PDB file of all heavy atoms in Angstrom:
ATOM      1  N   TYR A   1      84.516  96.564  89.527  1.00  0.00           N
ATOM      2  CA  TYR A   1      85.857  96.276  89.999  1.00  0.00           C
ATOM      3  C   TYR A   1      85.971  94.848  90.524  1.00  0.00           C
ATOM      4  O   TYR A   1      86.927  94.131  90.286  1.00  0.00           O
ATOM      5  CB  TYR A   1      86.301  97.257  91.073  1.00  0.00           C
ATOM      6  CG  TYR A   1      86.999  98.466  90.510  1.00  0.00           C
ATOM      7  CD1 TYR A   1      86.298  99.608  90.140  1.00  0.00           C
ATOM      8  CD2 TYR A   1      88.370  98.469  90.333  1.00  0.00           C
ATOM      9  CE1 TYR A   1      86.955 100.716  89.632  1.00  0.00           C
ATOM     10  CE2 TYR A   1      89.018  99.582  89.812  1.00  0.00           C
ATOM     11  CZ  TYR A   1      88.318 100.683  89.483  1.00  0.00           C
ATOM     12  OH  TYR A   1      88.955 101.768  88.934  1.00  0.00           O
ATOM     13  N   GLU A   2      84.962  94.443  91.301  1.00  0.00           N
ATOM     14  CA  GLU A   2      84.951  93.093  91.891  1.00  0.00           C
ATOM     15  C   GLU A   2      84.839  92.014  90.820  1.00  0.00           C
ATOM     16  O   GLU A   2      85.545  90.985  90.884  1.00  0.00           O
ATOM     17  CB  GLU A   2      83.815  92.958  92.883  1.00  0.00           C
ATOM     18  CG  GLU A   2      83.865  91.692  93.694  1.00  0.00           C
ATOM     19  CD  GLU A   2      82.722  91.582  94.713  1.00  0.00           C
ATOM     20  OE1 GLU A   2      82.109  92.624  95.006  1.00  0.00           O
ATOM     21  OE2 GLU A   2      82.502  90.464  95.167  1.00  0.00           O
ATOM     22  N   ALA A   3      84.020  92.250  89.797  1.00  0.00           N
ATOM     23  CA  ALA A   3      83.864  91.284  88.719  1.00  0.00           C
ATOM     24  C   ALA A   3      85.160  91.120  87.938  1.00  0.00           C
ATOM     25  O   ALA A   3      85.569  90.001  87.623  1.00  0.00           O
ATOM     26  CB  ALA A   3      82.745  91.701  87.761  1.00  0.00           C
ATOM     27  N   VAL A   4      85.832  92.209  87.649  1.00  0.00           N
ATOM     28  CA  VAL A   4      87.093  92.149  86.923  1.00  0.00           C
ATOM     29  C   VAL A   4      88.165  91.448  87.774  1.00  0.00           C
ATOM     30  O   VAL A   4      88.951  90.653  87.273  1.00  0.00           O
ATOM     31  CB  VAL A   4      87.561  93.565  86.485  1.00  0.00           C
ATOM     32  CG1 VAL A   4      88.964  93.515  85.905  1.00  0.00           C
ATOM     33  CG2 VAL A   4      86.617  94.126  85.463  1.00  0.00           C
ATOM     34  N   GLU A   5      88.155  91.736  89.074  1.00  0.00           N
ATOM     35  CA  GLU A   5      89.108  91.092  89.984  1.00  0.00           C
ATOM     36  C   GLU A   5      88.917  89.584  90.006  1.00  0.00           C
ATOM     37  O   GLU A   5      89.862  88.819  90.043  1.00  0.00           O
ATOM     38  CB  GLU A   5      88.966  91.690  91.373  1.00  0.00           C
ATOM     39  CG  GLU A   5      90.158  91.479  92.261  1.00  0.00           C
ATOM     40  CD  GLU A   5      91.459  92.096  91.760  1.00  0.00           C
ATOM     41  OE1 GLU A   5      91.434  93.212  91.229  1.00  0.00           O
ATOM     42  OE2 GLU A   5      92.485  91.413  91.888  1.00  0.00           O
ATOM     43  N   LEU A   6      87.665  89.151  89.997  1.00  0.00           N
ATOM     44  CA  LEU A   6      87.359  87.725  89.994  1.00  0.00           C
ATOM     45  C   LEU A   6      87.735  87.051  88.674  1.00  0.00           C
ATOM     46  O   LEU A   6      88.056  85.874  88.635  1.00  0.00           O
ATOM     47  CB  LEU A   6      85.875  87.496  90.268  1.00  0.00           C
ATOM     48  CG  LEU A   6      85.368  87.709  91.667  1.00  0.00           C
ATOM     49  CD1 LEU A   6      83.866  87.642  91.746  1.00  0.00           C
ATOM     50  CD2 LEU A   6      86.000  86.708  92.649  1.00  0.00           C
ATOM     51  N   ALA A   7      87.719  87.801  87.590  1.00  0.00           N
ATOM     52  CA  ALA A   7      87.993  87.248  86.263  1.00  0.00           C
ATOM     53  C   ALA A   7      89.460  87.264  85.888  1.00  0.00           C
ATOM     54  O   ALA A   7      89.852  86.635  84.922  1.00  0.00           O
ATOM     55  CB  ALA A   7      87.183  88.000  85.216  1.00  0.00           C
ATOM     56  N   LYS A   8      90.297  87.955  86.665  1.00  0.00           N
ATOM     57  CA  LYS A   8      91.715  88.135  86.309  1.00  0.00           C
ATOM     58  C   LYS A   8      92.465  86.787  86.395  1.00  0.00           C
ATOM     59  O   LYS A   8      92.494  86.151  87.443  1.00  0.00           O
ATOM     60  CB  LYS A   8      92.395  89.107  87.259  1.00  0.00           C
ATOM     61  CG  LYS A   8      92.166  90.538  86.960  1.00  0.00           C
ATOM     62  CD  LYS A   8      93.002  91.352  87.904  1.00  0.00           C
ATOM     63  CE  LYS A   8      92.846  92.838  87.700  1.00  0.00           C
ATOM     64  NZ  LYS A   8      93.724  93.563  88.613  1.00  0.00           N
ATOM     65  N   PRO A   9      93.163  86.403  85.306  1.00  0.00           N
ATOM     66  CA  PRO A   9      94.068  85.252  85.428  1.00  0.00           C
ATOM     67  C   PRO A   9      95.413  85.704  85.990  1.00  0.00           C
ATOM     68  O   PRO A   9      95.744  86.897  85.926  1.00  0.00           O
ATOM     69  CB  PRO A   9      94.209  84.795  83.974  1.00  0.00           C
ATOM     70  CG  PRO A   9      94.050  86.052  83.192  1.00  0.00           C
ATOM     71  CD  PRO A   9      93.052  86.892  83.965  1.00  0.00           C
ATOM     72  N   ILE A  10      96.199  84.773  86.514  1.00  0.00           N
ATOM     73  CA  ILE A  10      97.517  85.164  87.042  1.00  0.00           C
ATOM     74  C   ILE A  10      98.642  84.659  86.118  1.00  0.00           C
ATOM     75  O   ILE A  10      99.776  85.062  86.320  1.00  0.00           O
ATOM     76  CB  ILE A  10      97.739  84.644  88.464  1.00  0.00           C
ATOM     77  CG1 ILE A  10      97.581  83.157  88.526  1.00  0.00           C
ATOM     78  CG2 ILE A  10      96.828  85.357  89.427  1.00  0.00           C
ATOM     79  CD1 ILE A  10      97.977  82.545  89.852  1.00  0.00           C
ATOM     80  N   LEU A  11      98.316  83.825  85.128  1.00  0.00           N
ATOM     81  CA  LEU A  11      99.333  83.326  84.264  1.00  0.00           C
ATOM     82  C   LEU A  11      98.804  83.086  82.885  1.00  0.00           C
ATOM     83  O   LEU A  11      97.618  83.062  82.638  1.00  0.00           O
ATOM     84  CB  LEU A  11      99.979  82.043  84.825  1.00  0.00           C
ATOM     85  CG  LEU A  11      99.093  80.853  85.186  1.00  0.00           C
ATOM     86  CD1 LEU A  11      98.830  79.983  83.977  1.00  0.00           C
ATOM     87  CD2 LEU A  11      99.723  80.070  86.265  1.00  0.00           C
ATOM     88  N   ARG A  12      99.744  82.949  81.933  1.00  0.00           N
ATOM     89  CA  ARG A  12      99.393  82.560  80.568  1.00  0.00           C
ATOM     90  C   ARG A  12     100.290  81.419  80.142  1.00  0.00           C
ATOM     91  O   ARG A  12     101.352  81.202  80.750  1.00  0.00           O
ATOM     92  CB  ARG A  12      99.545  83.767  79.631  1.00  0.00           C
ATOM     93  CG  ARG A  12     100.958  84.202  79.431  1.00  0.00           C
ATOM     94  CD  ARG A  12     101.048  85.434  78.520  1.00  0.00           C
ATOM     95  NE  ARG A  12     102.374  85.969  78.538  1.00  0.00           N
ATOM     96  CZ  ARG A  12     103.339  85.646  77.681  1.00  0.00           C
ATOM     97  NH1 ARG A  12     103.108  84.785  76.754  1.00  0.00           N
ATOM     98  NH2 ARG A  12     104.542  86.219  77.744  1.00  0.00           N
ATOM     99  N   MET A  13      99.904  80.726  79.127  1.00  0.00           N
ATOM    100  CA  MET A  13     100.689  79.626  78.618  1.00  0.00           C
ATOM    101  C   MET A  13     101.381  80.030  77.331  1.00  0.00           C
ATOM    102  O   MET A  13     100.759  80.646  76.470  1.00  0.00           O
ATOM    103  CB  MET A  13      99.816  78.386  78.388  1.00  0.00           C
ATOM    104  CG  MET A  13      99.104  77.890  79.607  1.00  0.00           C
ATOM    105  SD  MET A  13     100.145  77.572  81.003  1.00  0.00           S
ATOM    106  CE  MET A  13     101.108  76.226  80.410  1.00  0.00           C
ATOM    107  N   GLN A  14     102.675  79.719  77.232  1.00  0.00           N
ATOM    108  CA  GLN A  14     103.420  80.021  76.027  1.00  0.00           C
ATOM    109  C   GLN A  14     104.086  78.736  75.531  1.00  0.00           C
ATOM    110  O   GLN A  14     104.673  77.987  76.322  1.00  0.00           O
ATOM    111  CB  GLN A  14     104.455  81.089  76.308  1.00  0.00           C
ATOM    112  CG  GLN A  14     105.157  81.547  75.054  1.00  0.00           C
ATOM    113  CD  GLN A  14     105.904  82.851  75.296  1.00  0.00           C
ATOM    114  OE1 GLN A  14     105.662  83.543  76.257  1.00  0.00           O
ATOM    115  NE2 GLN A  14     106.851  83.136  74.396  1.00  0.00           N
ATOM    116  N   SER A  15     103.982  78.484  74.229  1.00  0.00           N
ATOM    117  CA  SER A  15     104.588  77.292  73.664  1.00  0.00           C
ATOM    118  C   SER A  15     106.086  77.509  73.435  1.00  0.00           C
ATOM    119  O   SER A  15     106.492  78.584  73.019  1.00  0.00           O
ATOM    120  CB  SER A  15     103.928  76.949  72.326  1.00  0.00           C
ATOM    121  OG  SER A  15     102.582  76.624  72.550  1.00  0.00           O
ATOM    122  N   ARG A  16     106.855  76.455  73.727  1.00  0.00           N
ATOM    123  CA  ARG A  16     108.269  76.503  73.526  1.00  0.00           C
ATOM    124  C   ARG A  16     108.733  75.201  72.943  1.00  0.00           C
ATOM    125  O   ARG A  16     108.388  74.156  73.469  1.00  0.00           O
ATOM    126  CB  ARG A  16     108.988  76.751  74.881  1.00  0.00           C
ATOM    127  CG  ARG A  16     110.466  76.498  74.892  1.00  0.00           C
ATOM    128  CD  ARG A  16     111.206  77.781  74.607  1.00  0.00           C
ATOM    129  NE  ARG A  16     112.582  77.704  75.029  1.00  0.00           N
ATOM    130  CZ  ARG A  16     113.586  77.336  74.235  1.00  0.00           C
ATOM    131  NH1 ARG A  16     113.357  77.053  72.983  1.00  0.00           N
ATOM    132  NH2 ARG A  16     114.821  77.328  74.686  1.00  0.00           N
ATOM    133  N   LYS A  17     109.437  75.258  71.840  1.00  0.00           N
ATOM    134  CA  LYS A  17     109.931  74.033  71.215  1.00  0.00           C
ATOM    135  C   LYS A  17     111.319  73.707  71.778  1.00  0.00           C
ATOM    136  O   LYS A  17     112.201  74.541  71.787  1.00  0.00           O
ATOM    137  CB  LYS A  17     110.041  74.224  69.711  1.00  0.00           C
ATOM    138  CG  LYS A  17     109.215  73.209  68.953  1.00  0.00           C
ATOM    139  CD  LYS A  17     109.360  73.387  67.506  1.00  0.00           C
ATOM    140  CE  LYS A  17     109.552  72.034  66.917  1.00  0.00           C
ATOM    141  NZ  LYS A  17     108.655  71.621  65.945  1.00  0.00           N
ATOM    142  N   GLN A  18     111.435  72.512  72.263  1.00  0.00           N
ATOM    143  CA  GLN A  18     112.750  72.052  72.806  1.00  0.00           C
ATOM    144  C   GLN A  18     112.986  70.668  72.308  1.00  0.00           C
ATOM    145  O   GLN A  18     112.231  69.751  72.614  1.00  0.00           O
ATOM    146  CB  GLN A  18     112.751  72.114  74.330  1.00  0.00           C
ATOM    147  CG  GLN A  18     114.163  71.984  74.891  1.00  0.00           C
ATOM    148  CD  GLN A  18     114.174  72.253  76.379  1.00  0.00           C
ATOM    149  OE1 GLN A  18     113.147  71.994  77.053  1.00  0.00           O
ATOM    150  NE2 GLN A  18     115.268  72.763  76.857  1.00  0.00           N
ATOM    151  N   GLY A  19     114.043  70.523  71.516  1.00  0.00           N
ATOM    152  CA  GLY A  19     114.312  69.216  70.921  1.00  0.00           C
ATOM    153  C   GLY A  19     113.231  68.958  69.906  1.00  0.00           C
ATOM    154  O   GLY A  19     112.969  69.741  69.014  1.00  0.00           O
ATOM    155  N   GLY A  20     112.546  67.826  69.997  1.00  0.00           N
ATOM    156  CA  GLY A  20     111.521  67.476  69.023  1.00  0.00           C
ATOM    157  C   GLY A  20     110.111  67.720  69.550  1.00  0.00           C
ATOM    158  O   GLY A  20     109.164  67.411  68.833  1.00  0.00           O
ATOM    159  N   LYS A  21     109.998  68.214  70.755  1.00  0.00           N
ATOM    160  CA  LYS A  21     108.636  68.340  71.285  1.00  0.00           C
ATOM    161  C   LYS A  21     108.339  69.795  71.676  1.00  0.00           C
ATOM    162  O   LYS A  21     109.221  70.577  71.996  1.00  0.00           O
ATOM    163  CB  LYS A  21     108.413  67.434  72.485  1.00  0.00           C
ATOM    164  CG  LYS A  21     109.363  67.604  73.627  1.00  0.00           C
ATOM    165  CD  LYS A  21     109.050  66.562  74.664  1.00  0.00           C
ATOM    166  CE  LYS A  21     110.024  66.703  75.832  1.00  0.00           C
ATOM    167  NZ  LYS A  21     109.794  65.740  76.869  1.00  0.00           N
ATOM    168  N   THR A  22     107.080  70.108  71.684  1.00  0.00           N
ATOM    169  CA  THR A  22     106.605  71.436  72.045  1.00  0.00           C
ATOM    170  C   THR A  22     106.100  71.359  73.482  1.00  0.00           C
ATOM    171  O   THR A  22     105.314  70.505  73.814  1.00  0.00           O
ATOM    172  CB  THR A  22     105.489  71.901  71.148  1.00  0.00           C
ATOM    173  OG1 THR A  22     105.918  71.852  69.789  1.00  0.00           O
ATOM    174  CG2 THR A  22     105.037  73.304  71.430  1.00  0.00           C
ATOM    175  N   MET A  23     106.553  72.305  74.287  1.00  0.00           N
ATOM    176  CA  MET A  23     106.139  72.338  75.720  1.00  0.00           C
ATOM    177  C   MET A  23     105.354  73.597  75.999  1.00  0.00           C
ATOM    178  O   MET A  23     105.590  74.637  75.412  1.00  0.00           O
ATOM    179  CB  MET A  23     107.393  72.346  76.597  1.00  0.00           C
ATOM    180  CG  MET A  23     108.256  71.146  76.438  1.00  0.00           C
ATOM    181  SD  MET A  23     109.795  71.596  77.086  1.00  0.00           S
ATOM    182  CE  MET A  23     110.196  70.454  78.235  1.00  0.00           C
ATOM    183  N   GLN A  24     104.389  73.477  76.878  1.00  0.00           N
ATOM    184  CA  GLN A  24     103.652  74.631  77.362  1.00  0.00           C
ATOM    185  C   GLN A  24     104.375  75.146  78.607  1.00  0.00           C
ATOM    186  O   GLN A  24     104.505  74.417  79.555  1.00  0.00           O
ATOM    187  CB  GLN A  24     102.233  74.200  77.717  1.00  0.00           C
ATOM    188  CG  GLN A  24     101.373  73.794  76.506  1.00  0.00           C
ATOM    189  CD  GLN A  24     100.933  74.976  75.723  1.00  0.00           C
ATOM    190  OE1 GLN A  24     100.826  76.098  76.244  1.00  0.00           O
ATOM    191  NE2 GLN A  24     100.692  74.768  74.462  1.00  0.00           N
ATOM    192  N   VAL A  25     104.765  76.406  78.557  1.00  0.00           N
ATOM    193  CA  VAL A  25     105.446  76.984  79.703  1.00  0.00           C
ATOM    194  C   VAL A  25     104.546  78.065  80.324  1.00  0.00           C
ATOM    195  O   VAL A  25     104.112  78.991  79.642  1.00  0.00           O
ATOM    196  CB  VAL A  25     106.780  77.659  79.226  1.00  0.00           C
ATOM    197  CG1 VAL A  25     107.500  78.294  80.401  1.00  0.00           C
ATOM    198  CG2 VAL A  25     107.657  76.650  78.519  1.00  0.00           C
ATOM    199  N   PRO A  26     104.270  77.931  81.614  1.00  0.00           N
ATOM    200  CA  PRO A  26     103.433  78.965  82.276  1.00  0.00           C
ATOM    201  C   PRO A  26     104.259  80.241  82.495  1.00  0.00           C
ATOM    202  O   PRO A  26     105.385  80.193  82.998  1.00  0.00           O
ATOM    203  CB  PRO A  26     102.990  78.333  83.598  1.00  0.00           C
ATOM    204  CG  PRO A  26     103.965  77.209  83.840  1.00  0.00           C
ATOM    205  CD  PRO A  26     104.516  76.808  82.505  1.00  0.00           C
ATOM    206  N   MET A  27     103.684  81.383  82.121  1.00  0.00           N
ATOM    207  CA  MET A  27     104.352  82.671  82.280  1.00  0.00           C
ATOM    208  C   MET A  27     103.443  83.580  83.142  1.00  0.00           C
ATOM    209  O   MET A  27     102.243  83.661  82.888  1.00  0.00           O
ATOM    210  CB  MET A  27     104.539  83.354  80.958  1.00  0.00           C
ATOM    211  CG  MET A  27     105.307  82.554  79.926  1.00  0.00           C
ATOM    212  SD  MET A  27     107.011  82.407  80.289  1.00  0.00           S
ATOM    213  CE  MET A  27     107.542  84.066  79.976  1.00  0.00           C
ATOM    214  N   PRO A  28     104.013  84.196  84.176  1.00  0.00           N
ATOM    215  CA  PRO A  28     103.178  85.092  84.997  1.00  0.00           C
ATOM    216  C   PRO A  28     102.765  86.351  84.253  1.00  0.00           C
ATOM    217  O   PRO A  28     103.496  86.834  83.357  1.00  0.00           O
ATOM    218  CB  PRO A  28     104.107  85.439  86.174  1.00  0.00           C
ATOM    219  CG  PRO A  28     105.470  85.256  85.658  1.00  0.00           C
ATOM    220  CD  PRO A  28     105.390  84.171  84.620  1.00  0.00           C
ATOM    221  N   LEU A  29     101.607  86.866  84.604  1.00  0.00           N
ATOM    222  CA  LEU A  29     101.092  88.098  83.963  1.00  0.00           C
ATOM    223  C   LEU A  29     101.231  89.238  85.009  1.00  0.00           C
ATOM    224  O   LEU A  29     100.992  89.022  86.193  1.00  0.00           O
ATOM    225  CB  LEU A  29      99.631  87.951  83.629  1.00  0.00           C
ATOM    226  CG  LEU A  29      99.287  86.954  82.511  1.00  0.00           C
ATOM    227  CD1 LEU A  29      97.761  86.791  82.411  1.00  0.00           C
ATOM    228  CD2 LEU A  29      99.839  87.425  81.186  1.00  0.00           C
ATOM    229  N   ASN A  30     101.584  90.413  84.525  1.00  0.00           N
ATOM    230  CA  ASN A  30     101.582  91.546  85.450  1.00  0.00           C
ATOM    231  C   ASN A  30     100.140  92.073  85.572  1.00  0.00           C
ATOM    232  O   ASN A  30      99.231  91.580  84.921  1.00  0.00           O
ATOM    233  CB  ASN A  30     102.569  92.658  84.980  1.00  0.00           C
ATOM    234  CG  ASN A  30     102.228  93.293  83.686  1.00  0.00           C
ATOM    235  OD1 ASN A  30     101.054  93.380  83.315  1.00  0.00           O
ATOM    236  ND2 ASN A  30     103.244  93.727  82.941  1.00  0.00           N
ATOM    237  N   ALA A  31      99.945  93.093  86.403  1.00  0.00           N
ATOM    238  CA  ALA A  31      98.591  93.550  86.725  1.00  0.00           C
ATOM    239  C   ALA A  31      97.862  94.040  85.475  1.00  0.00           C
ATOM    240  O   ALA A  31      96.669  93.748  85.256  1.00  0.00           O
ATOM    241  CB  ALA A  31      98.665  94.626  87.775  1.00  0.00           C
TER     242      ALA A  31
END
């Protein structure tokens, strides 16, 4: 349990195209 808790990320990155450029948008993760 402790190892998994230490390894858990709190966000993920999602690509979003806006205009002519692609942006990385941080998205929160649920448990």
